C-alpha atoms as a PDB file:
ATOM      1  CA  UNK A   1      11.332  15.472   9.313  1.00  0.00           C
ATOM      2  CA  UNK A   2       7.828  15.922  10.557  1.00  0.00           C
ATOM      3  CA  UNK A   3       6.713  12.594  12.015  1.00  0.00           C
ATOM      4  CA  UNK A   4       3.157  12.916  10.762  1.00  0.00           C
ATOM      5  CA  UNK A   5       4.266  13.058   7.118  1.00  0.00           C
ATOM      6  CA  UNK A   6       4.115   9.522   5.774  1.00  0.00           C
ATOM      7  CA  UNK A   7       5.850   7.940   2.809  1.00  0.00           C
ATOM      8  CA  UNK A   8       3.383   8.130  -0.068  1.00  0.00           C
ATOM      9  CA  UNK A   9       5.373   6.473  -2.837  1.00  0.00           C
ATOM     10  CA  UNK A  10       4.762   2.905  -3.983  1.00  0.00           C
ATOM     11  CA  UNK A  11       1.638   2.230  -1.944  1.00  0.00           C
ATOM     12  CA  UNK A  12      -1.190  -0.063  -2.954  1.00  0.00           C
ATOM     13  CA  UNK A  13      -3.679   1.509  -3.379  1.00  0.00           C
ATOM     14  CA  UNK A  14      -1.896   4.681  -4.493  1.00  0.00           C
ATOM     15  CA  UNK A  15      -1.803   7.811  -2.355  1.00  0.00           C
ATOM     16  CA  UNK A  16      -4.982   9.855  -2.524  1.00  0.00           C
ATOM     17  CA  UNK A  17      -5.253  13.578  -3.216  1.00  0.00           C
ATOM     18  CA  UNK A  18      -6.245  14.024   0.433  1.00  0.00           C
ATOM     19  CA  UNK A  19      -3.062  12.311   1.634  1.00  0.00           C
ATOM     20  CA  UNK A  20      -0.909  14.447  -0.661  1.00  0.00           C
ATOM     21  CA  UNK A  21      -2.635  17.630   0.528  1.00  0.00           C
ATOM     22  CA  UNK A  22      -2.315  16.572   4.185  1.00  0.00           C
ATOM     23  CA  UNK A  23       1.427  16.009   3.728  1.00  0.00           C
ATOM     24  CA  UNK A  24       1.762  19.424   2.048  1.00  0.00           C
ATOM     25  CA  UNK A  25      -0.174  21.040   4.886  1.00  0.00           C
ATOM     26  CA  UNK A  26       2.079  19.432   7.500  1.00  0.00           C
ATOM     27  CA  UNK A  27       5.160  20.602   5.598  1.00  0.00           C
ATOM     28  CA  UNK A  28       3.908  24.214   5.378  1.00  0.00           C
ATOM     29  CA  UNK A  29       2.938  24.160   9.050  1.00  0.00           C
ATOM     30  CA  UNK A  30       6.400  22.940   9.995  1.00  0.00           C
ATOM     31  CA  UNK A  31       8.180  25.568   7.888  1.00  0.00           C
ATOM     32  CA  UNK A  32       5.970  28.447   8.965  1.00  0.00           C
ATOM     33  CA  UNK A  33       5.908  27.443  12.622  1.00  0.00           C
ATOM     34  CA  UNK A  34       2.161  27.928  12.627  1.00  0.00           C
ATOM     35  CA  UNK A  35      -0.685  25.448  12.651  1.00  0.00           C
ATOM     36  CA  UNK A  36      -3.214  28.166  11.887  1.00  0.00           C
ATOM     37  CA  UNK A  37      -2.006  31.251  10.008  1.00  0.00           C
ATOM     38  CA  UNK A  38      -3.343  34.710  10.731  1.00  0.00           C
ATOM     39  CA  UNK A  39      -5.956  36.141   8.398  1.00  0.00           C
ATOM     40  CA  UNK A  40      -3.215  38.296   6.865  1.00  0.00           C
ATOM     41  CA  UNK A  41      -1.187  35.202   5.983  1.00  0.00           C
ATOM     42  CA  UNK A  42      -4.010  32.783   5.104  1.00  0.00           C
ATOM     43  CA  UNK A  43      -3.813  33.323   1.327  1.00  0.00           C
ATOM     44  CA  UNK A  44      -0.029  32.833   1.224  1.00  0.00           C
ATOM     45  CA  UNK A  45      -0.370  29.748   3.436  1.00  0.00           C
ATOM     46  CA  UNK A  46      -3.081  28.229   1.212  1.00  0.00           C
ATOM     47  CA  UNK A  47      -1.095  28.988  -1.959  1.00  0.00           C
ATOM     48  CA  UNK A  48       1.966  27.296  -0.493  1.00  0.00           C
ATOM     49  CA  UNK A  49      -0.048  24.193   0.432  1.00  0.00           C
ATOM     50  CA  UNK A  50      -1.513  24.011  -3.083  1.00  0.00           C
ATOM     51  CA  UNK A  51       1.891  24.487  -4.762  1.00  0.00           C
ATOM     52  CA  UNK A  52       3.585  21.879  -2.582  1.00  0.00           C
ATOM     53  CA  UNK A  53       0.723  19.415  -3.074  1.00  0.00           C
ATOM     54  CA  UNK A  54       1.019  19.856  -6.854  1.00  0.00           C
ATOM     55  CA  UNK A  55       4.799  19.385  -6.754  1.00  0.00           C
ATOM     56  CA  UNK A  56       4.391  16.337  -4.527  1.00  0.00           C
ATOM     57  CA  UNK A  57       1.865  14.744  -6.871  1.00  0.00           C
ATOM     58  CA  UNK A  58       4.135  15.471  -9.843  1.00  0.00           C
ATOM     59  CA  UNK A  59       7.020  13.807  -8.010  1.00  0.00           C
ATOM     60  CA  UNK A  60       4.969  10.743  -7.052  1.00  0.00           C
ATOM     61  CA  UNK A  61       3.710  10.408 -10.631  1.00  0.00           C
ATOM     62  CA  UNK A  62       7.233  10.518 -12.074  1.00  0.00           C
ATOM     63  CA  UNK A  63       9.014   8.183  -9.634  1.00  0.00           C
ATOM     64  CA  UNK A  64       9.669   4.611 -10.782  1.00  0.00           C
ATOM     65  CA  UNK A  65      10.656   1.485  -8.893  1.00  0.00           C
ATOM     66  CA  UNK A  66      11.043  -2.211  -9.509  1.00  0.00           C
ATOM     67  CA  UNK A  67      10.030  -2.982  -5.917  1.00  0.00           C
ATOM     68  CA  UNK A  68       6.586  -4.455  -5.353  1.00  0.00           C
ATOM     69  CA  UNK A  69       3.984  -2.003  -4.000  1.00  0.00           C
ATOM     70  CA  UNK A  70       3.822  -1.692  -0.234  1.00  0.00           C
ATOM     71  CA  UNK A  71       0.591  -2.856   1.394  1.00  0.00           C
ATOM     72  CA  UNK A  72      -1.037  -0.134   3.499  1.00  0.00           C
ATOM     73  CA  UNK A  73      -2.230  -2.550   6.178  1.00  0.00           C
ATOM     74  CA  UNK A  74       1.228  -4.081   6.585  1.00  0.00           C
ATOM     75  CA  UNK A  75       2.819  -0.622   6.774  1.00  0.00           C
ATOM     76  CA  UNK A  76       0.252   0.476   9.378  1.00  0.00           C
ATOM     77  CA  UNK A  77       0.995  -2.609  11.483  1.00  0.00           C
ATOM     78  CA  UNK A  78       4.735  -1.890  11.294  1.00  0.00           C
ATOM     79  CA  UNK A  79       4.143   1.721  12.381  1.00  0.00           C
ATOM     80  CA  UNK A  80       1.967   0.574  15.278  1.00  0.00           C
ATOM     81  CA  UNK A  81       4.676  -1.879  16.398  1.00  0.00           C
ATOM     82  CA  UNK A  82       7.344   0.863  16.223  1.00  0.00           C
ATOM     83  CA  UNK A  83       5.136   3.193  18.273  1.00  0.00           C
ATOM     84  CA  UNK A  84       4.501   0.485  20.885  1.00  0.00           C
ATOM     85  CA  UNK A  85       8.238  -0.155  21.191  1.00  0.00           C
ATOM     86  CA  UNK A  86       9.044   3.538  21.366  1.00  0.00           C
ATOM     87  CA  UNK A  87       6.292   4.645  23.736  1.00  0.00           C
ATOM     88  CA  UNK A  88       5.571   1.399  25.572  1.00  0.00           C
ATOM     89  CA  UNK A  89       2.407  -0.606  25.470  1.00  0.00           C
ATOM     90  CA  UNK A  90       0.965   1.236  28.470  1.00  0.00           C
END
């Protein structure tokens, strides 16, 4: 799993279109092995990002849970603590 793709489900406030598109972009980059496609592949790359973003939004809209929404600030603090433990505090 690409480490820069974050869990977008059950957040308060809900995931934005920009976050969904960024996750789709990271996914397409990972699969294609390219961060910047050639001009010949740009249209296919952009179409894939748009299709995956749409599928992702459809998935997020249809998922249900009884768990309380996760607070973005709390999740960010947890991620920062994990990174400090993993990489050291420098």
